[in-house]
PDB file of N, CA and C in Angstrom:
ATOM      1  N   MET A   1      79.245 123.143 124.234  1.00  0.00           N
ATOM      2  CA  MET A   1      80.433 123.586 123.281  1.00  0.00           C
ATOM      3  C   MET A   1      81.573 122.931 123.821  1.00  0.00           C
ATOM      4  N   SER A   2      81.678 122.111 124.745  1.00  0.00           N
ATOM      5  CA  SER A   2      83.000 121.410 125.279  1.00  0.00           C
ATOM      6  C   SER A   2      83.317 119.869 124.682  1.00  0.00           C
ATOM      7  N   GLU A   3      81.741 119.686 124.509  1.00  0.00           N
ATOM      8  CA  GLU A   3      80.924 118.284 124.056  1.00  0.00           C
ATOM      9  C   GLU A   3      81.553 117.995 122.519  1.00  0.00           C
ATOM     10  N   VAL A   4      81.183 119.032 121.982  1.00  0.00           N
ATOM     11  CA  VAL A   4      82.061 119.383 120.638  1.00  0.00           C
ATOM     12  C   VAL A   4      83.265 119.397 120.517  1.00  0.00           C
ATOM     13  N   LEU A   5      83.819 119.928 121.175  1.00  0.00           N
ATOM     14  CA  LEU A   5      85.740 119.979 121.132  1.00  0.00           C
ATOM     15  C   LEU A   5      86.224 118.882 121.310  1.00  0.00           C
ATOM     16  N   ASP A   6      85.419 117.997 122.713  1.00  0.00           N
ATOM     17  CA  ASP A   6      85.828 116.545 122.897  1.00  0.00           C
ATOM     18  C   ASP A   6      85.512 115.877 121.526  1.00  0.00           C
ATOM     19  N   LEU A   7      84.357 115.905 121.136  1.00  0.00           N
ATOM     20  CA  LEU A   7      84.429 114.875 119.682  1.00  0.00           C
ATOM     21  C   LEU A   7      85.431 114.980 118.598  1.00  0.00           C
ATOM     22  N   VAL A   8      85.731 116.548 118.553  1.00  0.00           N
ATOM     23  CA  VAL A   8      86.490 116.770 117.122  1.00  0.00           C
ATOM     24  C   VAL A   8      87.730 115.712 117.843  1.00  0.00           C
ATOM     25  N   GLU A   9      88.546 116.340 119.093  1.00  0.00           N
ATOM     26  CA  GLU A   9      89.672 116.014 119.608  1.00  0.00           C
ATOM     27  C   GLU A   9      89.317 114.409 119.122  1.00  0.00           C
ATOM     28  N   GLN A  10      88.295 113.711 119.957  1.00  0.00           N
ATOM     29  CA  GLN A  10      88.507 111.939 119.862  1.00  0.00           C
ATOM     30  C   GLN A  10      88.637 111.702 118.171  1.00  0.00           C
ATOM     31  N   VAL A  11      87.568 112.323 117.303  1.00  0.00           N
ATOM     32  CA  VAL A  11      87.889 112.044 115.826  1.00  0.00           C
ATOM     33  C   VAL A  11      89.324 112.441 115.218  1.00  0.00           C
ATOM     34  N   GLU A  12      89.990 113.469 115.707  1.00  0.00           N
ATOM     35  CA  GLU A  12      91.492 113.558 115.463  1.00  0.00           C
ATOM     36  C   GLU A  12      92.308 112.584 115.576  1.00  0.00           C
ATOM     37  N   GLN A  13      92.203 111.703 117.257  1.00  0.00           N
ATOM     38  CA  GLN A  13      92.848 110.746 117.548  1.00  0.00           C
ATOM     39  C   GLN A  13      92.904 109.752 116.942  1.00  0.00           C
ATOM     40  N   LEU A  14      91.378 109.392 116.558  1.00  0.00           N
ATOM     41  CA  LEU A  14      91.149 108.193 115.736  1.00  0.00           C
ATOM     42  C   LEU A  14      91.420 108.201 114.462  1.00  0.00           C
ATOM     43  N   THR A  15      91.794 109.477 114.091  1.00  0.00           N
ATOM     44  CA  THR A  15      92.076 109.449 112.855  1.00  0.00           C
ATOM     45  C   THR A  15      93.718 109.201 112.642  1.00  0.00           C
ATOM     46  N   GLU A  16      94.410 109.939 113.887  1.00  0.00           N
ATOM     47  CA  GLU A  16      95.925 109.492 113.726  1.00  0.00           C
ATOM     48  C   GLU A  16      95.948 107.882 113.850  1.00  0.00           C
ATOM     49  N   ARG A  17      95.242 107.076 115.040  1.00  0.00           N
ATOM     50  CA  ARG A  17      95.441 105.720 115.162  1.00  0.00           C
ATOM     51  C   ARG A  17      95.200 105.206 113.929  1.00  0.00           C
ATOM     52  N   LEU A  18      94.161 105.301 113.149  1.00  0.00           N
ATOM     53  CA  LEU A  18      93.832 104.967 111.785  1.00  0.00           C
ATOM     54  C   LEU A  18      94.721 104.877 110.914  1.00  0.00           C
ATOM     55  N   ALA A  19      95.671 105.916 110.835  1.00  0.00           N
ATOM     56  CA  ALA A  19      96.660 106.211 109.936  1.00  0.00           C
ATOM     57  C   ALA A  19      98.087 104.810 110.398  1.00  0.00           C
ATOM     58  N   THR A  20      98.189 105.140 111.398  1.00  0.00           N
ATOM     59  CA  THR A  20      99.201 103.864 112.146  1.00  0.00           C
ATOM     60  C   THR A  20      98.966 102.919 111.740  1.00  0.00           C
ATOM     61  N   LEU A  21      97.781 102.609 112.485  1.00  0.00           N
ATOM     62  CA  LEU A  21      97.462 100.805 111.852  1.00  0.00           C
ATOM     63  C   LEU A  21      97.522 100.946 110.323  1.00  0.00           C
ATOM     64  N   GLU A  22      97.373 101.633 109.413  1.00  0.00           N
ATOM     65  CA  GLU A  22      97.246 101.341 108.025  1.00  0.00           C
ATOM     66  C   GLU A  22      98.766 100.940 107.802  1.00  0.00           C
ATOM     67  N   ALA A  23      99.562 102.192 108.207  1.00  0.00           N
ATOM     68  CA  ALA A  23     101.223 102.074 108.113  1.00  0.00           C
ATOM     69  C   ALA A  23     101.555 100.675 108.504  1.00  0.00           C
ATOM     70  N   VAL A  24     101.291 100.281 109.548  1.00  0.00           N
ATOM     71  CA  VAL A  24     101.525  98.557 110.319  1.00  0.00           C
ATOM     72  C   VAL A  24     101.233  97.612 109.358  1.00  0.00           C
ATOM     73  N   ARG A  25      99.852  97.751 108.595  1.00  0.00           N
ATOM     74  CA  ARG A  25      99.425  96.955 108.120  1.00  0.00           C
ATOM     75  C   ARG A  25     100.202  96.812 106.752  1.00  0.00           C
ATOM     76  N   ALA A  26     100.332  98.025 105.836  1.00  0.00           N
ATOM     77  CA  ALA A  26     101.151  98.059 104.608  1.00  0.00           C
ATOM     78  C   ALA A  26     102.681  97.270 104.778  1.00  0.00           C
ATOM     79  N   LEU A  27     103.355  97.497 106.206  1.00  0.00           N
ATOM     80  CA  LEU A  27     104.747  97.480 106.487  1.00  0.00           C
ATOM     81  C   LEU A  27     104.499  95.477 106.539  1.00  0.00           C
ATOM     82  N   ASN A  28     103.666  95.070 107.210  1.00  0.00           N
ATOM     83  CA  ASN A  28     103.405  93.858 107.330  1.00  0.00           C
ATOM     84  C   ASN A  28     103.053  92.844 106.243  1.00  0.00           C
ATOM     85  N   THR A  29     102.245  93.706 104.873  1.00  0.00           N
ATOM     86  CA  THR A  29     102.029  93.468 103.895  1.00  0.00           C
ATOM     87  C   THR A  29     103.350  92.943 103.028  1.00  0.00           C
ATOM     88  N   LEU A  30     104.190  93.963 103.444  1.00  0.00           N
ATOM     89  CA  LEU A  30     105.478  94.121 102.409  1.00  0.00           C
ATOM     90  C   LEU A  30     106.608  92.805 102.988  1.00  0.00           C
ATOM     91  N   ARG A  31     106.622  92.904 104.454  1.00  0.00           N
ATOM     92  CA  ARG A  31     107.466  91.887 105.090  1.00  0.00           C
ATOM     93  C   ARG A  31     106.856  90.438 104.207  1.00  0.00           C
ATOM     94  N   HIS A  32     105.669  90.071 103.912  1.00  0.00           N
ATOM     95  CA  HIS A  32     104.876  88.812 103.953  1.00  0.00           C
ATOM     96  C   HIS A  32     105.352  88.496 102.221  1.00  0.00           C
ATOM     97  N   ASP A  33     104.661  89.406 101.511  1.00  0.00           N
ATOM     98  CA  ASP A  33     104.719  89.281  99.917  1.00  0.00           C
ATOM     99  C   ASP A  33     106.449  89.736  99.344  1.00  0.00           C
ATOM    100  N   LEU A  34     107.198  90.286  99.914  1.00  0.00           N
ATOM    101  CA  LEU A  34     108.487  90.818  99.483  1.00  0.00           C
ATOM    102  C   LEU A  34     109.420  89.547  99.305  1.00  0.00           C
ATOM    103  N   PRO A  35     109.689  88.591  99.888  1.00  0.00           N
ATOM    104  CA  PRO A  35     110.101  87.573  99.811  1.00  0.00           C
ATOM    105  C   PRO A  35     109.500  86.546  98.955  1.00  0.00           C
ATOM    106  N   ARG A  36     108.476  86.342  99.319  1.00  0.00           N
ATOM    107  CA  ARG A  36     107.702  85.569  97.958  1.00  0.00           C
ATOM    108  C   ARG A  36     107.885  86.004  96.841  1.00  0.00           C
ATOM    109  N   TYR A  37     107.527  87.068  96.164  1.00  0.00           N
ATOM    110  CA  TYR A  37     107.868  87.731  95.085  1.00  0.00           C
ATOM    111  C   TYR A  37     109.069  87.410  94.508  1.00  0.00           C
ATOM    112  N   ILE A  38     110.178  87.448  95.452  1.00  0.00           N
ATOM    113  CA  ILE A  38     111.757  87.800  94.836  1.00  0.00           C
ATOM    114  C   ILE A  38     111.738  86.144  94.864  1.00  0.00           C
ATOM    115  N   ASN A  39     111.325  85.003  95.753  1.00  0.00           N
ATOM    116  CA  ASN A  39     111.324  83.918  95.459  1.00  0.00           C
ATOM    117  C   ASN A  39     110.838  83.004  94.227  1.00  0.00           C
ATOM    118  N   GLU A  40     109.691  83.683  93.541  1.00  0.00           N
ATOM    119  CA  GLU A  40     108.992  83.674  92.309  1.00  0.00           C
ATOM    120  C   GLU A  40     109.313  83.902  91.228  1.00  0.00           C
ATOM    121  N   GLY A  41     110.469  85.325  91.776  1.00  0.00           N
ATOM    122  CA  GLY A  41     110.779  85.554  90.227  1.00  0.00           C
ATOM    123  C   GLY A  41     109.869  86.963  89.408  1.00  0.00           C
ATOM    124  N   ARG A  42     109.033  87.483  90.457  1.00  0.00           N
ATOM    125  CA  ARG A  42     107.896  88.138  90.092  1.00  0.00           C
ATOM    126  C   ARG A  42     108.361  89.819  90.290  1.00  0.00           C
ATOM    127  N   TRP A  43     109.492  90.046  89.647  1.00  0.00           N
ATOM    128  CA  TRP A  43     109.877  91.390  89.240  1.00  0.00           C
ATOM    129  C   TRP A  43     109.050  92.321  88.734  1.00  0.00           C
ATOM    130  N   ASP A  44     108.254  92.003  88.057  1.00  0.00           N
ATOM    131  CA  ASP A  44     107.019  93.114  87.672  1.00  0.00           C
ATOM    132  C   ASP A  44     106.379  93.668  88.804  1.00  0.00           C
ATOM    133  N   GLN A  45     105.998  92.837  89.927  1.00  0.00           N
ATOM    134  CA  GLN A  45     105.263  93.325  90.717  1.00  0.00           C
ATOM    135  C   GLN A  45     105.988  93.718  92.133  1.00  0.00           C
ATOM    136  N   VAL A  46     107.499  93.609  92.080  1.00  0.00           N
ATOM    137  CA  VAL A  46     107.890  94.145  93.277  1.00  0.00           C
ATOM    138  C   VAL A  46     108.078  95.222  93.694  1.00  0.00           C
ATOM    139  N   GLY A  47     107.997  96.357  92.554  1.00  0.00           N
ATOM    140  CA  GLY A  47     107.861  97.718  92.552  1.00  0.00           C
ATOM    141  C   GLY A  47     106.500  98.039  93.514  1.00  0.00           C
ATOM    142  N   GLU A  48     105.198  97.338  93.264  1.00  0.00           N
ATOM    143  CA  GLU A  48     104.140  97.442  93.361  1.00  0.00           C
ATOM    144  C   GLU A  48     104.037  97.668  95.038  1.00  0.00           C
ATOM    145  N   LEU A  49     104.926  96.867  95.716  1.00  0.00           N
ATOM    146  CA  LEU A  49     104.532  96.829  97.235  1.00  0.00           C
ATOM    147  C   LEU A  49     105.402  98.034  97.665  1.00  0.00           C
ATOM    148  N   PHE A  50     105.645  99.007  97.321  1.00  0.00           N
ATOM    149  CA  PHE A  50     106.855 100.216  97.440  1.00  0.00           C
ATOM    150  C   PHE A  50     105.673 101.177  97.440  1.00  0.00           C
ATOM    151  N   SER A  51     106.117 102.348  98.187  1.00  0.00           N
ATOM    152  CA  SER A  51     105.297 103.802  97.719  1.00  0.00           C
ATOM    153  C   SER A  51     106.079 104.146  96.504  1.00  0.00           C
ATOM    154  N   ALA A  52     106.022 105.397  96.046  1.00  0.00           N
ATOM    155  CA  ALA A  52     106.287 105.796  94.985  1.00  0.00           C
ATOM    156  C   ALA A  52     108.069 106.432  95.337  1.00  0.00           C
ATOM    157  N   ASP A  53     107.769 107.072  96.532  1.00  0.00           N
ATOM    158  CA  ASP A  53     109.017 107.604  97.365  1.00  0.00           C
ATOM    159  C   ASP A  53     109.721 107.022  98.150  1.00  0.00           C
ATOM    160  N   ALA A  54     109.669 105.531  98.463  1.00  0.00           N
ATOM    161  CA  ALA A  54     110.266 104.736  99.034  1.00  0.00           C
ATOM    162  C   ALA A  54     112.068 104.615  98.776  1.00  0.00           C
ATOM    163  N   PHE A  55     112.546 104.171  99.911  1.00  0.00           N
ATOM    164  CA  PHE A  55     114.161 104.216  99.654  1.00  0.00           C
ATOM    165  C   PHE A  55     114.454 103.016 100.285  1.00  0.00           C
ATOM    166  N   LEU A  56     115.059 102.402  99.416  1.00  0.00           N
ATOM    167  CA  LEU A  56     115.668 100.766  99.636  1.00  0.00           C
ATOM    168  C   LEU A  56     117.250 100.860 100.059  1.00  0.00           C
ATOM    169  N   ASP A  57     117.663 100.518 101.197  1.00  0.00           N
ATOM    170  CA  ASP A  57     118.803 100.649 101.346  1.00  0.00           C
ATOM    171  C   ASP A  57     119.604  99.214 102.179  1.00  0.00           C
ATOM    172  N   TYR A  58     120.263  98.538 101.545  1.00  0.00           N
ATOM    173  CA  TYR A  58     121.011  97.113 101.592  1.00  0.00           C
ATOM    174  C   TYR A  58     122.263  97.333 101.742  1.00  0.00           C
ATOM    175  N   ARG A  59     122.487  98.381 102.151  1.00  0.00           N
ATOM    176  CA  ARG A  59     124.445  98.981 102.763  1.00  0.00           C
ATOM    177  C   ARG A  59     124.812  98.589 101.162  1.00  0.00           C
ATOM    178  N   HIS A  60     126.071  97.599 101.555  1.00  0.00           N
ATOM    179  CA  HIS A  60     126.929  97.316 100.596  1.00  0.00           C
ATOM    180  C   HIS A  60     126.732  96.422  99.474  1.00  0.00           C
ATOM    181  N   LEU A  61     125.379  95.824  99.633  1.00  0.00           N
ATOM    182  CA  LEU A  61     124.441  95.611  98.356  1.00  0.00           C
ATOM    183  C   LEU A  61     123.889  96.682  97.356  1.00  0.00           C
ATOM    184  N   GLY A  62     123.765  97.515  98.071  1.00  0.00           N
ATOM    185  CA  GLY A  62     123.160  98.567  96.905  1.00  0.00           C
ATOM    186  C   GLY A  62     122.190  99.084  97.549  1.00  0.00           C
ATOM    187  N   GLN A  63     121.479 100.317  96.745  1.00  0.00           N
ATOM    188  CA  GLN A  63     120.413 101.420  97.508  1.00  0.00           C
ATOM    189  C   GLN A  63     119.320 101.531  95.849  1.00  0.00           C
ATOM    190  N   ALA A  64     118.479 101.996  96.289  1.00  0.00           N
ATOM    191  CA  ALA A  64     117.576 102.303  95.395  1.00  0.00           C
ATOM    192  C   ALA A  64     116.199 103.293  95.773  1.00  0.00           C
ATOM    193  N   ASP A  65     116.265 104.203  95.069  1.00  0.00           N
ATOM    194  CA  ASP A  65     115.778 105.548  95.534  1.00  0.00           C
ATOM    195  C   ASP A  65     114.108 105.527  94.639  1.00  0.00           C
ATOM    196  N   GLY A  66     113.075 105.353  95.085  1.00  0.00           N
ATOM    197  CA  GLY A  66     111.703 105.049  94.411  1.00  0.00           C
ATOM    198  C   GLY A  66     111.604 103.972  94.194  1.00  0.00           C
ATOM    199  N   ARG A  67     109.979 104.028  93.612  1.00  0.00           N
ATOM    200  CA  ARG A  67     109.698 102.429  93.133  1.00  0.00           C
ATOM    201  C   ARG A  67     110.216 102.156  91.820  1.00  0.00           C
ATOM    202  N   ALA A  68     110.449 102.419  91.248  1.00  0.00           N
ATOM    203  CA  ALA A  68     110.881 102.231  89.571  1.00  0.00           C
ATOM    204  C   ALA A  68     112.300 101.749  89.902  1.00  0.00           C
ATOM    205  N   ALA A  69     112.970 102.502  90.704  1.00  0.00           N
ATOM    206  CA  ALA A  69     114.493 101.888  91.131  1.00  0.00           C
ATOM    207  C   ALA A  69     114.606 100.826  91.716  1.00  0.00           C
ATOM    208  N   ILE A  70     113.464 100.593  92.682  1.00  0.00           N
ATOM    209  CA  ILE A  70     113.627  99.641  93.661  1.00  0.00           C
ATOM    210  C   ILE A  70     113.439  98.273  92.601  1.00  0.00           C
ATOM    211  N   GLN A  71     112.385  98.306  91.802  1.00  0.00           N
ATOM    212  CA  GLN A  71     111.903  97.304  90.956  1.00  0.00           C
ATOM    213  C   GLN A  71     113.172  96.879  89.880  1.00  0.00           C
ATOM    214  N   ALA A  72     113.535  98.183  89.636  1.00  0.00           N
ATOM    215  CA  ALA A  72     114.943  97.613  88.594  1.00  0.00           C
ATOM    216  C   ALA A  72     115.630  96.969  89.408  1.00  0.00           C
ATOM    217  N   TYR A  73     116.036  97.571  90.960  1.00  0.00           N
ATOM    218  CA  TYR A  73     117.200  96.765  91.587  1.00  0.00           C
ATOM    219  C   TYR A  73     116.919  95.464  91.800  1.00  0.00           C
ATOM    220  N   PHE A  74     115.653  94.768  92.122  1.00  0.00           N
ATOM    221  CA  PHE A  74     115.644  93.492  92.255  1.00  0.00           C
ATOM    222  C   PHE A  74     115.530  92.743  91.029  1.00  0.00           C
ATOM    223  N   ALA A  75     114.973  93.307  89.790  1.00  0.00           N
ATOM    224  CA  ALA A  75     115.035  92.695  88.687  1.00  0.00           C
ATOM    225  C   ALA A  75     116.634  92.670  88.107  1.00  0.00           C
ATOM    226  N   GLY A  76     117.419  93.121  88.606  1.00  0.00           N
ATOM    227  CA  GLY A  76     119.126  92.938  88.340  1.00  0.00           C
ATOM    228  C   GLY A  76     119.319  91.858  89.187  1.00  0.00           C
ATOM    229  N   LEU A  77     118.851  91.390  90.272  1.00  0.00           N
ATOM    230  CA  LEU A  77     119.522  90.193  90.724  1.00  0.00           C
ATOM    231  C   LEU A  77     119.626  89.285  90.135  1.00  0.00           C
ATOM    232  N   PRO A  78     120.684  88.149  90.643  1.00  0.00           N
ATOM    233  CA  PRO A  78     120.809  87.302  89.576  1.00  0.00           C
ATOM    234  C   PRO A  78     119.813  86.459  90.230  1.00  0.00           C
ATOM    235  N   THR A  79     119.295  85.387  89.203  1.00  0.00           N
ATOM    236  CA  THR A  79     118.170  84.532  89.503  1.00  0.00           C
ATOM    237  C   THR A  79     118.909  83.120  89.581  1.00  0.00           C
ATOM    238  N   HIS A  80     117.973  82.075  90.187  1.00  0.00           N
ATOM    239  CA  HIS A  80     118.121  80.820  90.363  1.00  0.00           C
ATOM    240  C   HIS A  80     117.339  79.873  89.867  1.00  0.00           C
ATOM    241  N   SER A  81     117.541  78.703  90.275  1.00  0.00           N
ATOM    242  CA  SER A  81     116.598  77.559  89.795  1.00  0.00           C
ATOM    243  C   SER A  81     116.647  76.598  90.694  1.00  0.00           C
ATOM    244  N   TRP A  82     115.636  76.121  91.745  1.00  0.00           N
ATOM    245  CA  TRP A  82     116.015  75.038  92.422  1.00  0.00           C
ATOM    246  C   TRP A  82     116.085  73.651  91.688  1.00  0.00           C
ATOM    247  N   GLU A  83     115.646  73.723  90.392  1.00  0.00           N
ATOM    248  CA  GLU A  83     115.880  72.665  89.804  1.00  0.00           C
ATOM    249  C   GLU A  83     116.967  72.386  88.931  1.00  0.00           C
ATOM    250  N   ASP A  84     117.632  73.709  88.965  1.00  0.00           N
ATOM    251  CA  ASP A  84     119.185  73.472  88.077  1.00  0.00           C
ATOM    252  C   ASP A  84     120.228  73.151  89.672  1.00  0.00           C
ATOM    253  N   ALA A  85     119.664  73.237  90.761  1.00  0.00           N
ATOM    254  CA  ALA A  85     120.667  72.906  91.923  1.00  0.00           C
ATOM    255  C   ALA A  85     120.557  71.464  92.284  1.00  0.00           C
ATOM    256  N   SER A  86     119.627  70.830  91.541  1.00  0.00           N
ATOM    257  CA  SER A  86     119.253  69.208  92.177  1.00  0.00           C
ATOM    258  C   SER A  86     120.092  68.443  92.050  1.00  0.00           C
ATOM    259  N   ASP A  87     121.088  68.608  91.317  1.00  0.00           N
ATOM    260  CA  ASP A  87     122.132  67.635  91.289  1.00  0.00           C
ATOM    261  C   ASP A  87     123.564  68.095  91.909  1.00  0.00           C
ATOM    262  N   LYS A  88     123.357  69.318  92.552  1.00  0.00           N
ATOM    263  CA  LYS A  88     124.474  69.450  93.162  1.00  0.00           C
ATOM    264  C   LYS A  88     124.476  68.744  94.330  1.00  0.00           C
ATOM    265  N   VAL A  89     125.534  68.537  95.038  1.00  0.00           N
ATOM    266  CA  VAL A  89     125.851  67.910  96.505  1.00  0.00           C
ATOM    267  C   VAL A  89     125.864  69.209  97.307  1.00  0.00           C
ATOM    268  N   TRP A  90     124.975  69.124  98.553  1.00  0.00           N
ATOM    269  CA  TRP A  90     124.833  70.330  99.586  1.00  0.00           C
ATOM    270  C   TRP A  90     125.534  69.428 100.708  1.00  0.00           C
ATOM    271  N   ALA A  91     126.823  70.282 101.290  1.00  0.00           N
ATOM    272  CA  ALA A  91     127.144  69.324 102.614  1.00  0.00           C
ATOM    273  C   ALA A  91     126.911  70.464 103.719  1.00  0.00           C
TER     274      ALA A  91
END
């Protein structure tokens, strides 16, 4: 009987570890994809990177609560074009 309890405990521990690893992978994906999506102006896809109950807090730059609000936040940022800046002198 104790072997069964040991197996149940091991499965529970492995399940917790798996959940942690999946969360870490999701965060790494976010850290990788978010800047790329922003730089490419892919506002329609930014929201997909966040969970439905995500909360974004850029302090004085603004906050957004929920996936749709986060997508709207990024869509409202000013856009730029590197081609438009090519005639500027950078010091």
